[in-house]
C-alpha atoms as a PDB file:
ATOM      1  CA  MET A   1      -4.357 -61.644 -37.108  1.00  0.00           C
ATOM      2  CA  LYS A   2      -7.413 -59.806 -35.799  1.00  0.00           C
ATOM      3  CA  LYS A   3      -7.365 -58.868 -32.080  1.00  0.00           C
ATOM      4  CA  VAL A   4     -10.842 -59.289 -30.556  1.00  0.00           C
ATOM      5  CA  PHE A   5     -11.621 -58.093 -27.001  1.00  0.00           C
ATOM      6  CA  VAL A   6     -14.484 -59.897 -25.316  1.00  0.00           C
ATOM      7  CA  ALA A   7     -15.556 -57.862 -22.273  1.00  0.00           C
ATOM      8  CA  GLY A   8     -17.359 -60.065 -19.761  1.00  0.00           C
ATOM      9  CA  HIS A   9     -15.738 -63.299 -20.989  1.00  0.00           C
ATOM     10  CA  LYS A  10     -16.659 -65.190 -17.838  1.00  0.00           C
ATOM     11  CA  GLY A  11     -20.367 -64.408 -18.090  1.00  0.00           C
ATOM     12  CA  MET A  12     -22.879 -66.556 -19.901  1.00  0.00           C
ATOM     13  CA  VAL A  13     -22.885 -64.658 -23.194  1.00  0.00           C
ATOM     14  CA  GLY A  14     -19.240 -63.651 -23.130  1.00  0.00           C
ATOM     15  CA  SER A  15     -18.016 -67.199 -22.512  1.00  0.00           C
ATOM     16  CA  ALA A  16     -20.223 -68.511 -25.331  1.00  0.00           C
ATOM     17  CA  ILE A  17     -18.784 -65.920 -27.721  1.00  0.00           C
ATOM     18  CA  VAL A  18     -15.231 -66.910 -26.653  1.00  0.00           C
ATOM     19  CA  ARG A  19     -16.007 -70.610 -27.285  1.00  0.00           C
ATOM     20  CA  GLN A  20     -17.128 -69.849 -30.796  1.00  0.00           C
ATOM     21  CA  LEU A  21     -14.356 -67.412 -31.634  1.00  0.00           C
ATOM     22  CA  LYS A  22     -11.807 -70.072 -30.688  1.00  0.00           C
ATOM     23  CA  ASN A  23     -12.814 -71.957 -33.821  1.00  0.00           C
ATOM     24  CA  GLN A  24     -11.544 -69.046 -35.966  1.00  0.00           C
ATOM     25  CA  PRO A  25      -7.759 -69.320 -36.327  1.00  0.00           C
ATOM     26  CA  GLU A  26      -7.393 -65.811 -37.766  1.00  0.00           C
ATOM     27  CA  ILE A  27      -8.598 -64.299 -34.481  1.00  0.00           C
ATOM     28  CA  GLU A  28      -6.548 -63.555 -31.360  1.00  0.00           C
ATOM     29  CA  ILE A  29      -8.967 -63.423 -28.425  1.00  0.00           C
ATOM     30  CA  VAL A  30      -8.166 -60.855 -25.722  1.00  0.00           C
ATOM     31  CA  VAL A  31      -9.736 -61.193 -22.292  1.00  0.00           C
ATOM     32  CA  ARG A  32      -9.107 -59.731 -18.864  1.00  0.00           C
ATOM     33  CA  ASP A  33     -10.265 -60.898 -15.457  1.00  0.00           C
ATOM     34  CA  ARG A  34     -11.822 -58.339 -13.133  1.00  0.00           C
ATOM     35  CA  SER A  35      -8.637 -58.466 -11.053  1.00  0.00           C
ATOM     36  CA  GLU A  36      -6.622 -57.468 -14.150  1.00  0.00           C
ATOM     37  CA  LEU A  37      -8.964 -54.841 -15.537  1.00  0.00           C
ATOM     38  CA  ASN A  38     -11.780 -53.151 -13.590  1.00  0.00           C
ATOM     39  CA  LEU A  39     -14.261 -52.015 -16.225  1.00  0.00           C
ATOM     40  CA  LEU A  40     -15.690 -49.452 -13.780  1.00  0.00           C
ATOM     41  CA  ASP A  41     -12.301 -47.709 -13.734  1.00  0.00           C
ATOM     42  CA  GLN A  42     -12.250 -45.176 -16.588  1.00  0.00           C
ATOM     43  CA  ALA A  43      -8.490 -44.609 -16.525  1.00  0.00           C
ATOM     44  CA  ALA A  44      -7.684 -48.345 -16.460  1.00  0.00           C
ATOM     45  CA  VAL A  45     -10.002 -49.050 -19.404  1.00  0.00           C
ATOM     46  CA  ALA A  46      -8.544 -46.158 -21.408  1.00  0.00           C
ATOM     47  CA  GLU A  47      -4.985 -47.425 -20.760  1.00  0.00           C
ATOM     48  CA  PHE A  48      -5.986 -50.953 -21.800  1.00  0.00           C
ATOM     49  CA  PHE A  49      -7.299 -49.787 -25.186  1.00  0.00           C
ATOM     50  CA  LYS A  50      -4.356 -47.424 -25.699  1.00  0.00           C
ATOM     51  CA  THR A  51      -1.872 -50.287 -25.382  1.00  0.00           C
ATOM     52  CA  GLU A  52      -3.631 -53.373 -26.789  1.00  0.00           C
ATOM     53  CA  ASN A  53      -4.351 -52.388 -30.430  1.00  0.00           C
ATOM     54  CA  ILE A  54      -7.794 -54.000 -30.430  1.00  0.00           C
ATOM     55  CA  ASP A  55      -9.646 -54.471 -33.733  1.00  0.00           C
ATOM     56  CA  GLN A  56     -13.101 -55.582 -32.539  1.00  0.00           C
ATOM     57  CA  VAL A  57     -14.993 -55.419 -29.209  1.00  0.00           C
ATOM     58  CA  TYR A  58     -17.829 -57.620 -27.953  1.00  0.00           C
ATOM     59  CA  LEU A  59     -19.275 -55.690 -25.016  1.00  0.00           C
ATOM     60  CA  ALA A  60     -20.921 -58.543 -23.111  1.00  0.00           C
ATOM     61  CA  ALA A  61     -19.927 -57.304 -19.627  1.00  0.00           C
ATOM     62  CA  ALA A  62     -22.919 -56.348 -17.492  1.00  0.00           C
ATOM     63  CA  LYS A  63     -24.454 -56.594 -14.065  1.00  0.00           C
ATOM     64  CA  VAL A  64     -27.455 -58.869 -14.532  1.00  0.00           C
ATOM     65  CA  GLY A  65     -30.058 -60.615 -12.415  1.00  0.00           C
ATOM     66  CA  GLY A  66     -33.688 -61.582 -12.069  1.00  0.00           C
ATOM     67  CA  ILE A  67     -36.677 -59.741 -10.592  1.00  0.00           C
ATOM     68  CA  ILE A  68     -35.492 -59.984  -6.996  1.00  0.00           C
ATOM     69  CA  ALA A  69     -31.989 -58.749  -7.814  1.00  0.00           C
ATOM     70  CA  ASN A  70     -33.328 -55.839  -9.883  1.00  0.00           C
ATOM     71  CA  ASN A  71     -35.723 -54.822  -7.101  1.00  0.00           C
ATOM     72  CA  THR A  72     -33.107 -55.134  -4.388  1.00  0.00           C
ATOM     73  CA  TYR A  73     -30.097 -53.475  -6.080  1.00  0.00           C
ATOM     74  CA  PRO A  74     -31.439 -50.836  -8.516  1.00  0.00           C
ATOM     75  CA  ALA A  75     -28.565 -48.380  -7.805  1.00  0.00           C
ATOM     76  CA  GLU A  76     -25.901 -50.988  -8.575  1.00  0.00           C
ATOM     77  CA  PHE A  77     -27.734 -52.069 -11.728  1.00  0.00           C
ATOM     78  CA  ILE A  78     -27.949 -48.613 -13.257  1.00  0.00           C
ATOM     79  CA  TYR A  79     -24.538 -47.343 -12.038  1.00  0.00           C
ATOM     80  CA  GLU A  80     -22.374 -50.332 -12.951  1.00  0.00           C
ATOM     81  CA  ASN A  81     -23.923 -50.923 -16.355  1.00  0.00           C
ATOM     82  CA  LEU A  82     -23.733 -47.235 -17.299  1.00  0.00           C
ATOM     83  CA  MET A  83     -20.109 -47.022 -16.210  1.00  0.00           C
ATOM     84  CA  MET A  84     -18.941 -50.148 -17.994  1.00  0.00           C
ATOM     85  CA  GLU A  85     -20.553 -49.260 -21.297  1.00  0.00           C
ATOM     86  CA  CYS A  86     -19.416 -45.622 -21.208  1.00  0.00           C
ATOM     87  CA  ASN A  87     -15.850 -46.531 -20.324  1.00  0.00           C
ATOM     88  CA  ILE A  88     -15.540 -49.206 -23.018  1.00  0.00           C
ATOM     89  CA  VAL A  89     -17.289 -47.422 -25.903  1.00  0.00           C
ATOM     90  CA  HIS A  90     -15.506 -44.141 -25.344  1.00  0.00           C
ATOM     91  CA  SER A  91     -12.098 -45.703 -24.846  1.00  0.00           C
ATOM     92  CA  ALA A  92     -12.573 -47.950 -27.903  1.00  0.00           C
ATOM     93  CA  HIS A  93     -13.392 -44.904 -29.943  1.00  0.00           C
ATOM     94  CA  LEU A  94     -10.378 -42.948 -28.692  1.00  0.00           C
ATOM     95  CA  ALA A  95      -8.151 -45.905 -29.585  1.00  0.00           C
ATOM     96  CA  GLY A  96      -9.511 -46.054 -33.134  1.00  0.00           C
ATOM     97  CA  VAL A  97     -11.569 -49.238 -32.757  1.00  0.00           C
ATOM     98  CA  ASN A  98     -14.166 -49.137 -35.548  1.00  0.00           C
ATOM     99  CA  ASP A  99     -16.113 -52.351 -34.835  1.00  0.00           C
ATOM    100  CA  LEU A 100     -17.990 -52.897 -31.623  1.00  0.00           C
ATOM    101  CA  LEU A 101     -21.023 -54.933 -30.613  1.00  0.00           C
ATOM    102  CA  PHE A 102     -22.984 -53.925 -27.496  1.00  0.00           C
ATOM    103  CA  LEU A 103     -25.192 -56.541 -25.790  1.00  0.00           C
ATOM    104  CA  GLY A 104     -28.520 -55.199 -24.594  1.00  0.00           C
ATOM    105  CA  SER A 105     -31.752 -56.811 -23.410  1.00  0.00           C
ATOM    106  CA  SER A 106     -35.381 -57.142 -24.458  1.00  0.00           C
ATOM    107  CA  CYS A 107     -36.331 -55.198 -21.337  1.00  0.00           C
ATOM    108  CA  ILE A 108     -35.447 -51.985 -23.231  1.00  0.00           C
ATOM    109  CA  TYR A 109     -38.921 -52.129 -24.787  1.00  0.00           C
ATOM    110  CA  PRO A 110     -42.039 -50.669 -23.129  1.00  0.00           C
ATOM    111  CA  LYS A 111     -43.944 -52.967 -20.755  1.00  0.00           C
ATOM    112  CA  LEU A 112     -47.010 -52.852 -22.995  1.00  0.00           C
ATOM    113  CA  ALA A 113     -45.237 -52.792 -26.317  1.00  0.00           C
ATOM    114  CA  GLU A 114     -47.131 -54.302 -29.267  1.00  0.00           C
ATOM    115  CA  GLN A 115     -46.223 -57.936 -29.713  1.00  0.00           C
ATOM    116  CA  PRO A 116     -44.010 -59.138 -31.237  1.00  0.00           C
ATOM    117  CA  MET A 117     -41.723 -56.261 -30.312  1.00  0.00           C
ATOM    118  CA  LYS A 118     -40.029 -54.470 -33.211  1.00  0.00           C
ATOM    119  CA  GLU A 119     -36.873 -52.432 -32.976  1.00  0.00           C
ATOM    120  CA  GLU A 120     -38.946 -49.282 -33.610  1.00  0.00           C
ATOM    121  CA  ALA A 121     -40.771 -49.791 -30.291  1.00  0.00           C
ATOM    122  CA  LEU A 122     -37.819 -48.353 -28.399  1.00  0.00           C
ATOM    123  CA  LEU A 123     -38.746 -45.294 -26.310  1.00  0.00           C
ATOM    124  CA  THR A 124     -42.443 -45.430 -27.256  1.00  0.00           C
ATOM    125  CA  GLY A 125     -43.829 -46.172 -23.763  1.00  0.00           C
ATOM    126  CA  THR A 126     -43.307 -46.842 -20.086  1.00  0.00           C
ATOM    127  CA  LEU A 127     -40.869 -49.530 -19.031  1.00  0.00           C
ATOM    128  CA  GLU A 128     -41.480 -52.486 -16.730  1.00  0.00           C
ATOM    129  CA  PRO A 129     -40.982 -50.982 -13.276  1.00  0.00           C
ATOM    130  CA  THR A 130     -39.166 -53.996 -11.754  1.00  0.00           C
ATOM    131  CA  ASN A 131     -36.132 -53.619 -13.990  1.00  0.00           C
ATOM    132  CA  GLU A 132     -36.383 -49.996 -15.108  1.00  0.00           C
ATOM    133  CA  PRO A 133     -32.858 -48.942 -13.899  1.00  0.00           C
ATOM    134  CA  TYR A 134     -31.247 -51.825 -15.807  1.00  0.00           C
ATOM    135  CA  ALA A 135     -33.321 -51.108 -18.893  1.00  0.00           C
ATOM    136  CA  ILE A 136     -32.448 -47.427 -18.883  1.00  0.00           C
ATOM    137  CA  ALA A 137     -28.733 -48.310 -18.660  1.00  0.00           C
ATOM    138  CA  LYS A 138     -29.119 -50.604 -21.692  1.00  0.00           C
ATOM    139  CA  ILE A 139     -31.044 -47.937 -23.608  1.00  0.00           C
ATOM    140  CA  ALA A 140     -28.239 -45.543 -22.857  1.00  0.00           C
ATOM    141  CA  GLY A 141     -25.780 -48.063 -24.288  1.00  0.00           C
ATOM    142  CA  ILE A 142     -27.722 -48.231 -27.564  1.00  0.00           C
ATOM    143  CA  LYS A 143     -27.831 -44.437 -27.786  1.00  0.00           C
ATOM    144  CA  LEU A 144     -24.117 -44.299 -26.980  1.00  0.00           C
ATOM    145  CA  CYS A 145     -23.370 -46.545 -29.929  1.00  0.00           C
ATOM    146  CA  GLU A 146     -25.699 -44.582 -32.210  1.00  0.00           C
ATOM    147  CA  SER A 147     -24.111 -41.291 -31.130  1.00  0.00           C
ATOM    148  CA  TYR A 148     -20.554 -42.419 -31.941  1.00  0.00           C
ATOM    149  CA  ASN A 149     -21.782 -43.793 -35.264  1.00  0.00           C
ATOM    150  CA  ARG A 150     -23.480 -40.467 -36.014  1.00  0.00           C
ATOM    151  CA  GLN A 151     -20.694 -38.158 -34.949  1.00  0.00           C
ATOM    152  CA  TYR A 152     -17.589 -40.177 -35.797  1.00  0.00           C
ATOM    153  CA  GLY A 153     -18.747 -42.730 -38.439  1.00  0.00           C
ATOM    154  CA  ARG A 154     -18.046 -45.693 -36.178  1.00  0.00           C
ATOM    155  CA  ASN A 155     -19.556 -49.140 -36.791  1.00  0.00           C
ATOM    156  CA  TYR A 156     -20.972 -49.694 -33.301  1.00  0.00           C
ATOM    157  CA  ARG A 157     -23.914 -52.092 -33.325  1.00  0.00           C
ATOM    158  CA  SER A 158     -26.219 -53.351 -30.558  1.00  0.00           C
ATOM    159  CA  ALA A 159     -27.792 -56.776 -30.257  1.00  0.00           C
ATOM    160  CA  MET A 160     -31.012 -57.089 -28.166  1.00  0.00           C
ATOM    161  CA  PRO A 161     -31.444 -60.708 -27.075  1.00  0.00           C
ATOM    162  CA  THR A 162     -34.609 -62.195 -25.765  1.00  0.00           C
ATOM    163  CA  ASN A 163     -34.369 -64.159 -22.477  1.00  0.00           C
ATOM    164  CA  LEU A 164     -31.194 -66.197 -22.560  1.00  0.00           C
ATOM    165  CA  TYR A 165     -30.202 -69.422 -20.801  1.00  0.00           C
ATOM    166  CA  GLY A 166     -27.510 -72.114 -21.044  1.00  0.00           C
ATOM    167  CA  GLU A 167     -23.972 -72.911 -20.050  1.00  0.00           C
ATOM    168  CA  ASN A 168     -22.413 -70.630 -17.398  1.00  0.00           C
ATOM    169  CA  ASP A 169     -25.782 -69.233 -16.318  1.00  0.00           C
ATOM    170  CA  ASN A 170     -26.208 -67.999 -12.734  1.00  0.00           C
ATOM    171  CA  PHE A 171     -27.945 -70.616 -10.604  1.00  0.00           C
ATOM    172  CA  HIS A 172     -28.148 -68.565  -7.429  1.00  0.00           C
ATOM    173  CA  PRO A 173     -31.382 -69.485  -5.572  1.00  0.00           C
ATOM    174  CA  GLU A 174     -32.492 -65.869  -5.340  1.00  0.00           C
ATOM    175  CA  ASN A 175     -30.597 -63.686  -7.827  1.00  0.00           C
ATOM    176  CA  SER A 176     -31.001 -65.823 -10.955  1.00  0.00           C
ATOM    177  CA  HIS A 177     -33.320 -65.635 -13.931  1.00  0.00           C
ATOM    178  CA  VAL A 178     -36.286 -67.935 -14.344  1.00  0.00           C
ATOM    179  CA  ILE A 179     -34.768 -70.934 -16.142  1.00  0.00           C
ATOM    180  CA  PRO A 180     -31.675 -71.488 -13.889  1.00  0.00           C
ATOM    181  CA  ALA A 181     -33.804 -70.814 -10.828  1.00  0.00           C
ATOM    182  CA  LEU A 182     -36.332 -73.463 -11.916  1.00  0.00           C
ATOM    183  CA  ILE A 183     -33.632 -75.998 -12.823  1.00  0.00           C
ATOM    184  CA  ARG A 184     -32.025 -75.683  -9.428  1.00  0.00           C
ATOM    185  CA  ARG A 185     -35.351 -75.694  -7.592  1.00  0.00           C
ATOM    186  CA  PHE A 186     -36.616 -78.805  -9.333  1.00  0.00           C
ATOM    187  CA  HIS A 187     -33.305 -80.593  -9.043  1.00  0.00           C
ATOM    188  CA  GLU A 188     -33.151 -79.980  -5.267  1.00  0.00           C
ATOM    189  CA  ALA A 189     -36.812 -80.963  -4.917  1.00  0.00           C
ATOM    190  CA  LYS A 190     -36.074 -84.228  -6.751  1.00  0.00           C
ATOM    191  CA  LEU A 191     -33.062 -84.940  -4.482  1.00  0.00           C
ATOM    192  CA  ASN A 192     -35.138 -84.169  -1.366  1.00  0.00           C
ATOM    193  CA  ASN A 193     -38.119 -86.215  -2.576  1.00  0.00           C
ATOM    194  CA  ASP A 194     -40.321 -83.153  -2.143  1.00  0.00           C
ATOM    195  CA  SER A 195     -43.977 -83.665  -2.931  1.00  0.00           C
ATOM    196  CA  GLU A 196     -44.402 -80.232  -4.532  1.00  0.00           C
ATOM    197  CA  VAL A 197     -42.611 -77.232  -5.991  1.00  0.00           C
ATOM    198  CA  VAL A 198     -43.990 -73.683  -5.851  1.00  0.00           C
ATOM    199  CA  ALA A 199     -43.367 -71.432  -8.837  1.00  0.00           C
ATOM    200  CA  TRP A 200     -43.586 -67.669  -8.687  1.00  0.00           C
ATOM    201  CA  GLY A 201     -46.501 -65.866 -10.338  1.00  0.00           C
ATOM    202  CA  SER A 202     -49.653 -66.997 -12.057  1.00  0.00           C
ATOM    203  CA  GLY A 203     -47.932 -68.951 -14.816  1.00  0.00           C
ATOM    204  CA  LYS A 204     -49.873 -66.950 -17.442  1.00  0.00           C
ATOM    205  CA  PRO A 205     -47.228 -64.491 -18.793  1.00  0.00           C
ATOM    206  CA  MET A 206     -45.600 -65.522 -22.047  1.00  0.00           C
ATOM    207  CA  ARG A 207     -41.866 -65.508 -22.609  1.00  0.00           C
ATOM    208  CA  GLU A 208     -39.397 -66.332 -25.393  1.00  0.00           C
ATOM    209  CA  PHE A 209     -36.159 -68.092 -24.640  1.00  0.00           C
ATOM    210  CA  LEU A 210     -32.920 -68.393 -26.664  1.00  0.00           C
ATOM    211  CA  HIS A 211     -29.989 -70.687 -25.927  1.00  0.00           C
ATOM    212  CA  VAL A 212     -26.779 -68.770 -25.311  1.00  0.00           C
ATOM    213  CA  ASP A 213     -24.888 -70.715 -28.008  1.00  0.00           C
ATOM    214  CA  ASP A 214     -27.420 -69.445 -30.549  1.00  0.00           C
ATOM    215  CA  MET A 215     -26.964 -65.920 -29.139  1.00  0.00           C
ATOM    216  CA  ALA A 216     -23.153 -66.124 -29.514  1.00  0.00           C
ATOM    217  CA  ALA A 217     -23.543 -67.237 -33.121  1.00  0.00           C
ATOM    218  CA  ALA A 218     -25.904 -64.352 -33.776  1.00  0.00           C
ATOM    219  CA  CYS A 219     -23.446 -61.857 -32.235  1.00  0.00           C
ATOM    220  CA  ILE A 220     -20.599 -63.018 -34.435  1.00  0.00           C
ATOM    221  CA  HIS A 221     -22.905 -62.913 -37.471  1.00  0.00           C
ATOM    222  CA  ILE A 222     -24.027 -59.367 -36.715  1.00  0.00           C
ATOM    223  CA  MET A 223     -20.487 -58.144 -35.987  1.00  0.00           C
ATOM    224  CA  ASN A 224     -19.146 -59.367 -39.315  1.00  0.00           C
ATOM    225  CA  LEU A 225     -21.900 -58.247 -41.653  1.00  0.00           C
ATOM    226  CA  ASP A 226     -20.664 -55.672 -44.112  1.00  0.00           C
ATOM    227  CA  ASN A 227     -22.038 -52.163 -43.684  1.00  0.00           C
ATOM    228  CA  GLU A 228     -23.974 -52.126 -46.903  1.00  0.00           C
ATOM    229  CA  THR A 229     -25.843 -55.311 -46.066  1.00  0.00           C
ATOM    230  CA  TYR A 230     -26.473 -54.364 -42.439  1.00  0.00           C
ATOM    231  CA  GLN A 231     -27.716 -50.879 -43.180  1.00  0.00           C
ATOM    232  CA  ALA A 232     -30.025 -52.140 -45.959  1.00  0.00           C
ATOM    233  CA  ASN A 233     -31.935 -54.070 -43.271  1.00  0.00           C
ATOM    234  CA  THR A 234     -31.957 -51.387 -40.527  1.00  0.00           C
ATOM    235  CA  GLN A 235     -33.239 -47.854 -40.281  1.00  0.00           C
ATOM    236  CA  PRO A 236     -30.770 -44.977 -40.631  1.00  0.00           C
ATOM    237  CA  MET A 237     -28.825 -44.556 -37.378  1.00  0.00           C
ATOM    238  CA  LEU A 238     -30.737 -47.443 -35.788  1.00  0.00           C
ATOM    239  CA  SER A 239     -27.872 -49.417 -34.280  1.00  0.00           C
ATOM    240  CA  HIS A 240     -29.823 -52.122 -32.459  1.00  0.00           C
ATOM    241  CA  ILE A 241     -31.251 -55.377 -33.792  1.00  0.00           C
ATOM    242  CA  ASN A 242     -33.392 -58.023 -32.099  1.00  0.00           C
ATOM    243  CA  VAL A 243     -32.118 -61.557 -31.540  1.00  0.00           C
ATOM    244  CA  GLY A 244     -34.697 -64.211 -30.724  1.00  0.00           C
ATOM    245  CA  THR A 245     -36.529 -67.322 -31.883  1.00  0.00           C
ATOM    246  CA  GLY A 246     -39.906 -65.829 -32.704  1.00  0.00           C
ATOM    247  CA  VAL A 247     -41.497 -68.511 -30.557  1.00  0.00           C
ATOM    248  CA  ASP A 248     -42.815 -68.073 -27.019  1.00  0.00           C
ATOM    249  CA  CYS A 249     -44.571 -70.135 -24.367  1.00  0.00           C
ATOM    250  CA  THR A 250     -46.408 -69.514 -21.046  1.00  0.00           C
ATOM    251  CA  ILE A 251     -44.409 -69.613 -17.851  1.00  0.00           C
ATOM    252  CA  ARG A 252     -46.580 -72.579 -16.893  1.00  0.00           C
ATOM    253  CA  GLU A 253     -45.472 -74.451 -19.973  1.00  0.00           C
ATOM    254  CA  LEU A 254     -41.855 -73.544 -19.229  1.00  0.00           C
ATOM    255  CA  VAL A 255     -42.159 -74.759 -15.678  1.00  0.00           C
ATOM    256  CA  GLU A 256     -43.703 -78.072 -16.771  1.00  0.00           C
ATOM    257  CA  THR A 257     -40.975 -78.553 -19.386  1.00  0.00           C
ATOM    258  CA  VAL A 258     -38.179 -77.934 -16.857  1.00  0.00           C
ATOM    259  CA  ALA A 259     -39.815 -80.353 -14.427  1.00  0.00           C
ATOM    260  CA  LYS A 260     -39.916 -82.985 -17.219  1.00  0.00           C
ATOM    261  CA  VAL A 261     -36.251 -82.426 -18.214  1.00  0.00           C
ATOM    262  CA  VAL A 262     -35.074 -82.636 -14.584  1.00  0.00           C
ATOM    263  CA  GLY A 263     -37.255 -85.615 -13.786  1.00  0.00           C
ATOM    264  CA  PHE A 264     -39.350 -84.072 -10.965  1.00  0.00           C
ATOM    265  CA  GLU A 265     -42.621 -85.987 -10.669  1.00  0.00           C
ATOM    266  CA  GLY A 266     -44.297 -84.117  -7.744  1.00  0.00           C
ATOM    267  CA  GLU A 267     -46.994 -81.467  -7.841  1.00  0.00           C
ATOM    268  CA  ILE A 268     -46.399 -77.983  -9.238  1.00  0.00           C
ATOM    269  CA  LYS A 269     -48.194 -74.989  -7.654  1.00  0.00           C
ATOM    270  CA  PHE A 270     -48.220 -71.341  -8.685  1.00  0.00           C
ATOM    271  CA  ASP A 271     -48.051 -68.525  -6.126  1.00  0.00           C
ATOM    272  CA  ALA A 272     -50.100 -65.780  -7.795  1.00  0.00           C
ATOM    273  CA  THR A 273     -49.191 -63.306  -4.997  1.00  0.00           C
ATOM    274  CA  LYS A 274     -45.719 -63.041  -6.499  1.00  0.00           C
ATOM    275  CA  PRO A 275     -44.979 -60.568  -9.362  1.00  0.00           C
ATOM    276  CA  ASP A 276     -45.465 -61.704 -12.939  1.00  0.00           C
ATOM    277  CA  GLY A 277     -43.629 -58.921 -14.733  1.00  0.00           C
ATOM    278  CA  ALA A 278     -44.706 -58.023 -18.247  1.00  0.00           C
ATOM    279  CA  PRO A 279     -47.676 -60.047 -19.600  1.00  0.00           C
ATOM    280  CA  ARG A 280     -45.837 -60.988 -22.767  1.00  0.00           C
ATOM    281  CA  LYS A 281     -42.331 -60.462 -24.241  1.00  0.00           C
ATOM    282  CA  LEU A 282     -41.816 -61.746 -27.774  1.00  0.00           C
ATOM    283  CA  MET A 283     -39.176 -60.322 -30.041  1.00  0.00           C
ATOM    284  CA  ASP A 284     -39.724 -59.607 -33.765  1.00  0.00           C
ATOM    285  CA  SER A 285     -36.445 -60.979 -35.131  1.00  0.00           C
ATOM    286  CA  SER A 286     -37.422 -60.714 -38.820  1.00  0.00           C
ATOM    287  CA  ARG A 287     -34.629 -58.214 -39.541  1.00  0.00           C
ATOM    288  CA  LEU A 288     -31.955 -60.578 -38.319  1.00  0.00           C
ATOM    289  CA  GLU A 289     -33.510 -63.438 -40.303  1.00  0.00           C
ATOM    290  CA  ALA A 290     -33.390 -61.238 -43.389  1.00  0.00           C
ATOM    291  CA  LEU A 291     -29.678 -60.806 -42.636  1.00  0.00           C
ATOM    292  CA  GLY A 292     -29.167 -64.545 -42.823  1.00  0.00           C
ATOM    293  CA  TRP A 293     -29.331 -65.837 -39.253  1.00  0.00           C
ATOM    294  CA  LYS A 294     -31.874 -68.081 -37.512  1.00  0.00           C
ATOM    295  CA  TYR A 295     -31.780 -70.000 -34.202  1.00  0.00           C
ATOM    296  CA  THR A 296     -30.977 -73.755 -34.244  1.00  0.00           C
ATOM    297  CA  ILE A 297     -31.545 -75.043 -30.667  1.00  0.00           C
ATOM    298  CA  SER A 298     -35.129 -75.881 -29.510  1.00  0.00           C
ATOM    299  CA  LEU A 299     -36.220 -75.015 -25.993  1.00  0.00           C
ATOM    300  CA  GLU A 300     -36.502 -78.587 -24.770  1.00  0.00           C
ATOM    301  CA  ASP A 301     -33.144 -79.563 -26.268  1.00  0.00           C
ATOM    302  CA  GLY A 302     -31.560 -76.442 -24.831  1.00  0.00           C
ATOM    303  CA  LEU A 303     -33.020 -77.113 -21.364  1.00  0.00           C
ATOM    304  CA  ALA A 304     -31.711 -80.672 -21.462  1.00  0.00           C
ATOM    305  CA  GLN A 305     -28.222 -79.429 -22.362  1.00  0.00           C
ATOM    306  CA  THR A 306     -28.360 -76.769 -19.666  1.00  0.00           C
ATOM    307  CA  TYR A 307     -29.438 -79.248 -17.007  1.00  0.00           C
ATOM    308  CA  GLN A 308     -26.586 -81.606 -17.997  1.00  0.00           C
ATOM    309  CA  TRP A 309     -24.124 -78.699 -17.679  1.00  0.00           C
ATOM    310  CA  PHE A 310     -25.652 -77.915 -14.284  1.00  0.00           C
ATOM    311  CA  LEU A 311     -25.095 -81.496 -13.136  1.00  0.00           C
ATOM    312  CA  ASN A 312     -21.499 -81.446 -14.418  1.00  0.00           C
ATOM    313  CA  ASN A 313     -20.575 -78.064 -12.848  1.00  0.00           C
ATOM    314  CA  GLN A 314     -22.326 -77.768  -9.475  1.00  0.00           C
ATOM    315  CA  ASN A 315     -19.056 -76.803  -7.879  1.00  0.00           C
ATOM    316  CA  LYS A 316     -18.695 -73.764 -10.148  1.00  0.00           C
ATOM    317  CA  PHE A 317     -21.928 -71.925  -9.380  1.00  0.00           C
ATOM    318  CA  ARG A 318     -21.636 -68.172  -9.326  1.00  0.00           C
ATOM    319  CA  GLY A 319     -23.354 -66.601  -6.366  1.00  0.00           C
END
């Protein structure tokens, strides 16, 4: 029986990984609530790994949020993410854990990176200012994994997802990402019979979106690739790999699709005085495809599933 620790099991990605691991009878899933294990507490994390005999770690724990949250709480975003990843990676190493997967973000790449963004674009330019502290914490996590691989021969890999959405997303009206924010806004506008909904920005930036169930499947796939196969499709000491669909759309197209899925029939306006963020963010996921994985859930199908989950779980919203 393989003991697998999923850090951040109540978050969107962590919970999706747990759901998929439950289908594998040879795996014992290990999780801890924040009340049981504070990942910001170095001594507590070290003691956990010392006593639990963990075989694999999915490091999905993170402090996450949209543009407003990143702008409002930059100190918390950089501090908490750095602490969690440092505590877990170092303690896992000390306990002899050889297999770990760190979850990053596409925001690690420069704001004006060539599109689609390849893994090699890391550290080649200036980051998007609105989420720079979060991005730097994630870059540090990648380099942390690479350093333990280089010095100690560990098998610590990093998955860089594009924009994620789906079950257990955060639907907070201010601190959420674009898809859950739009779903909630259109849903409430429909209930209130509002004549219009205002979306932030010009609607022109292009974004790529991946359903969290696809992301979880990709994580498990990457974790369990043998070293020879994985290294044949990555650069030496390059621990991170992109996870995306290879397909993007404008924010305007996204907004219109969400309105359609929710059933809002009023007018949609765009407030161009609000920040757009990067003009385009499309991942080059050709390496992962070469390693045998490809997404399966289309954007419209995924949005419909997410809206249905939203309707079924309105009493569980985080934030």
